[in-house]
Structures are given as structure tokens and as C-alpha cells.
Amino acid sequence: MEQVQYNLLFRWFIGLSMDDAVWVPTVFTEFIKACQEMNITPHVAQNKSGRQSAVPESIAGSAGYAVSQQKRKLIEQGFGWAKSIGGMRQLMVRGLKKVDQMFVLTMAAYNLVRMRTLGQLCPLQPQ
């Protein structure tokens, strides 16, 4: 956070101009409080790296939160596969249309891999 205050190159790198306000860690805490005031359970990842997490244990301990985190893991696996196996980390094409085509092709390939794996786990019964 200190670098954002005084390092011009760092500000440029993260996309802040000299006039832009610098965000603070309490923004995330405020978001969670605002969700709770509206009776909405925020389904965001809990920080378990030794610092105090903005997600209170009352939310993180709920059954819905656990399901949400499991679903998040499934989504993240697809994007991780696309970056490591599918070649989406560093594309060789330029332009929004070509990148979109690459992404659709890569995720279709991921779905085929998943279908193969799921078919091995739950084979179809002949009728």
C-alpha cells in the first residue's frame, strides 16, 4: 500500500493517475457490512493468511458459504486449466474477436476433458 502513495511507476502500472484516490483495505470490510445491512450474505473468499479476515466467522461458518466456496473452486479449476494447459496465459493472437474465439475453443476443450473424466466416474448404463 505504501508504494501506491509515492511510487509513480507503480501507480502507472496498476492504472492509477496522480489524481485518482487510493483504495484502502477497509473498502472490502465496508462492502461486507453493507451486504449484511441489506440482509445479503456475501460469498467472498475468507482471508486465512494470518491477517484478520474481513469475512466474519458467522458468515464463513454457514452451510451456504461452504457450498459457495466449493462452486468457486470448480469455476477456478476451469480457468486454471485454460491458463496452464489451454495456452490462455500468453496468447499468440491479437484482437478481441480472435481472443474470444481462442477462449471459446479452449473452454470447449476443457468441457470435453471434464466429460471424459465424468464418464469414467459415472459410466452410462445400457438400456
Protein backbone atom coordinates (compact mmCIF):
# COMPACT_ATOMS: atom_id res chain seq x y z
CA MET A 1 0.00 0.00 0.00
CA GLU A 2 2.87 2.40 0.71
CA GLN A 3 4.13 2.25 -2.88
CA VAL A 4 0.79 3.46 -4.21
CA GLN A 5 1.21 6.66 -2.20
CA TYR A 6 4.60 7.72 -3.59
CA ASN A 7 5.78 5.49 -6.48
CA LEU A 8 4.74 7.00 -9.83
CA LEU A 9 5.76 3.95 -11.85
CA PHE A 10 3.75 1.66 -9.56
CA ARG A 11 0.69 3.94 -9.87
CA TRP A 12 1.03 3.81 -13.67
CA PHE A 13 1.43 0.01 -13.59
CA ILE A 14 -1.80 -0.55 -11.66
CA GLY A 15 -3.70 2.01 -13.74
CA LEU A 16 -3.95 4.95 -11.32
CA SER A 17 -3.36 8.52 -12.37
CA MET A 18 -1.96 11.12 -9.97
CA ASP A 19 -5.48 12.43 -9.28
CA ASP A 20 -7.08 9.05 -8.55
CA ALA A 21 -7.92 8.20 -4.98
CA VAL A 22 -6.06 5.27 -3.48
CA TRP A 23 -8.23 2.45 -2.22
CA VAL A 24 -7.90 1.26 1.32
CA PRO A 25 -8.35 -2.25 2.77
CA THR A 26 -11.43 -1.09 4.67
CA VAL A 27 -13.39 -0.88 1.39
CA PHE A 28 -13.76 -4.66 1.45
CA THR A 29 -14.91 -4.56 5.07
CA GLU A 30 -17.42 -1.84 4.20
CA PHE A 31 -18.75 -3.97 1.33
CA ILE A 32 -19.39 -6.88 3.70
CA LYS A 33 -21.09 -4.61 6.24
CA ALA A 34 -23.29 -3.09 3.53
CA CYS A 35 -24.30 -6.58 2.36
CA GLN A 36 -25.17 -7.59 5.91
CA GLU A 37 -27.28 -4.44 6.39
CA MET A 38 -29.28 -5.40 3.28
CA ASN A 39 -29.67 -8.97 4.60
CA ILE A 40 -27.43 -10.36 1.86
CA THR A 41 -24.79 -12.97 2.60
CA PRO A 42 -21.59 -12.00 0.77
CA HIS A 43 -19.95 -15.03 -0.80
CA VAL A 44 -16.36 -13.87 -0.97
CA ALA A 45 -13.24 -15.81 -0.07
CA GLN A 46 -12.10 -15.62 3.52
CA ASN A 47 -8.51 -14.48 4.06
CA LYS A 48 -6.74 -17.19 6.06
CA SER A 49 -3.15 -15.99 5.55
CA GLY A 50 -2.61 -14.94 9.14
CA ARG A 51 -4.19 -11.50 8.91
CA GLN A 52 -7.64 -10.66 10.20
CA SER A 53 -10.25 -11.57 7.61
CA ALA A 54 -12.99 -9.15 6.62
CA VAL A 55 -15.40 -12.11 6.40
CA PRO A 56 -16.71 -12.79 9.90
CA GLU A 57 -16.83 -16.35 11.19
CA SER A 58 -20.63 -16.18 11.39
CA ILE A 59 -20.74 -15.94 7.57
CA ALA A 60 -17.81 -18.26 6.89
CA GLY A 61 -19.31 -20.96 9.10
CA SER A 62 -22.66 -21.13 7.31
CA ALA A 63 -23.65 -24.04 5.10
CA GLY A 64 -24.39 -21.75 2.14
CA TYR A 65 -20.93 -20.24 2.34
CA ALA A 66 -19.34 -23.70 2.21
CA VAL A 67 -21.34 -24.61 -0.90
CA SER A 68 -20.41 -21.27 -2.48
CA GLN A 69 -16.70 -21.91 -1.89
CA GLN A 70 -16.96 -25.40 -3.41
CA LYS A 71 -18.61 -23.95 -6.53
CA ARG A 72 -15.94 -21.24 -6.67
CA LYS A 73 -13.26 -23.94 -6.70
CA LEU A 74 -14.95 -25.65 -9.66
CA ILE A 75 -15.00 -22.39 -11.60
CA GLU A 76 -11.39 -21.58 -10.75
CA GLN A 77 -10.27 -25.04 -11.89
CA GLY A 78 -11.55 -24.34 -15.39
CA PHE A 79 -9.69 -21.05 -15.64
CA GLY A 80 -6.55 -22.63 -14.18
CA TRP A 81 -6.72 -25.39 -16.79
CA ALA A 82 -7.22 -22.81 -19.53
CA LYS A 83 -4.11 -20.93 -18.41
CA SER A 84 -1.79 -23.87 -17.80
CA ILE A 85 -2.90 -26.48 -20.35
CA GLY A 86 -5.03 -24.50 -22.80
CA GLY A 87 -2.44 -21.83 -23.54
CA MET A 88 -4.53 -18.89 -22.38
CA ARG A 89 -1.78 -17.47 -20.17
CA GLN A 90 0.08 -15.93 -23.09
CA LEU A 91 -1.90 -15.76 -26.31
CA MET A 92 -0.36 -15.69 -29.75
CA VAL A 93 -3.34 -13.88 -31.27
CA ARG A 94 -4.34 -10.23 -31.05
CA GLY A 95 -7.74 -8.62 -31.22
CA LEU A 96 -10.90 -9.13 -29.23
CA LYS A 97 -12.58 -11.38 -31.80
CA LYS A 98 -9.59 -13.74 -32.08
CA VAL A 99 -9.07 -13.87 -28.31
CA ASP A 100 -12.78 -14.61 -27.87
CA GLN A 101 -12.55 -17.47 -30.38
CA MET A 102 -9.48 -18.85 -28.58
CA PHE A 103 -11.25 -18.66 -25.24
CA VAL A 104 -14.37 -20.43 -26.52
CA LEU A 105 -12.27 -23.16 -28.17
CA THR A 106 -10.17 -23.63 -25.03
CA MET A 107 -13.18 -23.86 -22.72
CA ALA A 108 -14.90 -26.29 -25.13
CA ALA A 109 -11.79 -28.47 -24.93
CA TYR A 110 -11.92 -28.24 -21.13
CA ASN A 111 -15.56 -29.35 -21.20
CA LEU A 112 -14.60 -32.37 -23.34
CA VAL A 113 -11.88 -33.28 -20.84
CA ARG A 114 -14.38 -32.95 -17.98
CA MET A 115 -16.95 -35.09 -19.82
CA ARG A 116 -14.36 -37.81 -20.31
CA THR A 117 -13.45 -37.73 -16.63
CA LEU A 118 -17.09 -37.67 -15.51
CA GLY A 119 -17.87 -40.54 -17.90
CA GLN A 120 -15.19 -42.64 -16.26
CA LEU A 121 -16.60 -41.87 -12.81
CA CYS A 122 -20.25 -42.46 -13.72
CA PRO A 123 -20.46 -44.69 -16.82
CA LEU A 124 -23.77 -44.78 -18.65
CA GLN A 125 -25.85 -47.87 -18.06
CA PRO A 126 -27.00 -49.58 -21.32
CA GLN A 127 -30.77 -49.70 -21.69
